[in-house]
N, C-alpha and C. Protein backbone atom coordinates (compact mmCIF):
# COMPACT_ATOMS: atom_id res chain seq x y z
N MET A 1 49.09 -37.82 -20.52
CA MET A 1 48.95 -36.59 -19.77
C MET A 1 47.78 -36.73 -18.81
N VAL A 2 47.98 -36.31 -17.57
CA VAL A 2 46.95 -36.42 -16.55
C VAL A 2 46.31 -35.05 -16.38
N THR A 3 44.98 -35.01 -16.50
CA THR A 3 44.28 -33.74 -16.33
C THR A 3 43.93 -33.55 -14.86
N LYS A 4 43.30 -32.43 -14.53
CA LYS A 4 42.95 -32.13 -13.14
C LYS A 4 41.94 -33.12 -12.57
N ASN A 5 41.04 -33.63 -13.38
CA ASN A 5 39.99 -34.51 -12.90
C ASN A 5 40.42 -35.97 -12.81
N GLN A 6 41.54 -36.31 -13.39
CA GLN A 6 42.01 -37.69 -13.35
C GLN A 6 42.99 -37.86 -12.20
N LYS A 7 42.92 -39.01 -11.56
CA LYS A 7 43.86 -39.33 -10.49
C LYS A 7 44.82 -40.39 -10.98
N HIS A 8 46.03 -40.30 -10.51
CA HIS A 8 47.03 -41.31 -10.87
C HIS A 8 46.74 -42.57 -10.07
N VAL A 9 46.53 -43.69 -10.74
CA VAL A 9 46.25 -44.97 -10.11
C VAL A 9 47.51 -45.80 -10.16
N ASN A 10 47.98 -46.23 -8.98
CA ASN A 10 49.18 -47.05 -8.92
C ASN A 10 48.79 -48.50 -9.22
N THR A 11 49.27 -49.00 -10.33
CA THR A 11 48.92 -50.37 -10.72
C THR A 11 49.94 -51.39 -10.25
N ASN A 12 51.06 -50.95 -9.68
CA ASN A 12 52.09 -51.87 -9.22
C ASN A 12 51.98 -52.03 -7.72
N PRO A 13 51.44 -53.17 -7.23
CA PRO A 13 51.26 -53.33 -5.79
C PRO A 13 52.57 -53.48 -5.03
N GLU A 14 53.67 -53.80 -5.71
CA GLU A 14 54.95 -53.97 -5.04
C GLU A 14 55.54 -52.65 -4.57
N SER A 15 55.08 -51.53 -5.11
CA SER A 15 55.62 -50.24 -4.70
C SER A 15 54.95 -49.70 -3.43
N GLU A 16 53.90 -50.37 -2.97
CA GLU A 16 53.24 -49.96 -1.73
C GLU A 16 54.13 -50.33 -0.55
N PRO A 17 54.21 -49.47 0.47
CA PRO A 17 55.05 -49.79 1.63
C PRO A 17 54.42 -50.90 2.47
N ASN A 18 55.27 -51.70 3.10
CA ASN A 18 54.81 -52.77 3.97
C ASN A 18 54.54 -52.17 5.35
N LEU A 19 53.29 -52.20 5.78
CA LEU A 19 52.90 -51.56 7.04
C LEU A 19 52.71 -52.57 8.17
N LYS A 20 53.14 -53.81 7.99
CA LYS A 20 52.96 -54.82 9.03
C LYS A 20 53.73 -54.43 10.29
N GLY A 21 54.96 -53.95 10.14
CA GLY A 21 55.76 -53.53 11.29
C GLY A 21 55.13 -52.36 12.01
N THR A 22 54.54 -51.45 11.26
CA THR A 22 53.87 -50.29 11.86
C THR A 22 52.67 -50.74 12.68
N LEU A 23 51.89 -51.66 12.14
CA LEU A 23 50.73 -52.18 12.86
C LEU A 23 51.14 -52.85 14.16
N ILE A 24 52.20 -53.65 14.12
CA ILE A 24 52.66 -54.34 15.32
C ILE A 24 53.17 -53.34 16.34
N SER A 25 53.93 -52.34 15.91
CA SER A 25 54.47 -51.33 16.83
C SER A 25 53.35 -50.54 17.50
N VAL A 26 52.37 -50.13 16.73
CA VAL A 26 51.26 -49.35 17.29
C VAL A 26 50.42 -50.22 18.22
N SER A 27 50.25 -51.49 17.89
CA SER A 27 49.50 -52.40 18.76
C SER A 27 50.21 -52.60 20.09
N ILE A 28 51.53 -52.75 20.06
CA ILE A 28 52.30 -52.91 21.30
C ILE A 28 52.21 -51.64 22.14
N LEU A 29 52.34 -50.49 21.50
CA LEU A 29 52.23 -49.22 22.22
C LEU A 29 50.84 -49.05 22.83
N GLY A 30 49.80 -49.41 22.09
CA GLY A 30 48.43 -49.35 22.61
C GLY A 30 48.23 -50.28 23.79
N ALA A 31 48.81 -51.47 23.72
CA ALA A 31 48.70 -52.43 24.83
C ALA A 31 49.39 -51.90 26.08
N ILE A 32 50.56 -51.29 25.91
CA ILE A 32 51.27 -50.70 27.05
C ILE A 32 50.45 -49.59 27.68
N LEU A 33 49.87 -48.73 26.85
CA LEU A 33 49.05 -47.64 27.38
C LEU A 33 47.81 -48.19 28.10
N LEU A 34 47.19 -49.21 27.54
CA LEU A 34 46.01 -49.81 28.16
C LEU A 34 46.34 -50.42 29.51
N VAL A 35 47.44 -51.15 29.59
CA VAL A 35 47.86 -51.76 30.85
C VAL A 35 48.17 -50.68 31.89
N THR A 36 48.81 -49.60 31.44
CA THR A 36 49.12 -48.49 32.36
C THR A 36 47.84 -47.86 32.92
N TRP A 37 46.87 -47.61 32.04
CA TRP A 37 45.61 -47.00 32.49
C TRP A 37 44.85 -47.94 33.43
N ILE A 38 44.82 -49.22 33.11
CA ILE A 38 44.12 -50.18 33.98
C ILE A 38 44.82 -50.27 35.32
N GLY A 39 46.14 -50.26 35.31
CA GLY A 39 46.90 -50.28 36.56
C GLY A 39 46.62 -49.06 37.41
N ALA A 40 46.57 -47.89 36.81
CA ALA A 40 46.29 -46.67 37.55
C ALA A 40 44.85 -46.69 38.09
N LEU A 41 43.91 -47.19 37.30
CA LEU A 41 42.52 -47.29 37.76
C LEU A 41 42.40 -48.24 38.95
N MET A 42 43.05 -49.38 38.86
CA MET A 42 43.00 -50.35 39.96
C MET A 42 43.65 -49.78 41.22
N LEU A 43 44.76 -49.07 41.05
CA LEU A 43 45.42 -48.44 42.18
C LEU A 43 44.49 -47.41 42.83
N PHE A 44 43.79 -46.65 42.00
CA PHE A 44 42.85 -45.64 42.51
C PHE A 44 41.68 -46.30 43.23
N LEU A 45 41.14 -47.38 42.68
CA LEU A 45 39.97 -48.01 43.26
C LEU A 45 40.30 -48.78 44.54
N LEU A 46 41.49 -49.31 44.64
CA LEU A 46 41.85 -50.11 45.81
C LEU A 46 42.31 -49.27 46.99
N ARG A 47 42.56 -48.01 46.81
CA ARG A 47 42.99 -47.16 47.92
C ARG A 47 41.83 -46.54 48.62
């Protein structure tokens, strides 16, 4: 029985979700946003 002060500790590491795909997707999205912002800045500075 788990009381209010105890937390459930997951001892099975295989039940954790694999976040490698999420990291790659977010990194690609961040790179696209960064390139877009740099492109807009360069366009602004060169005009």
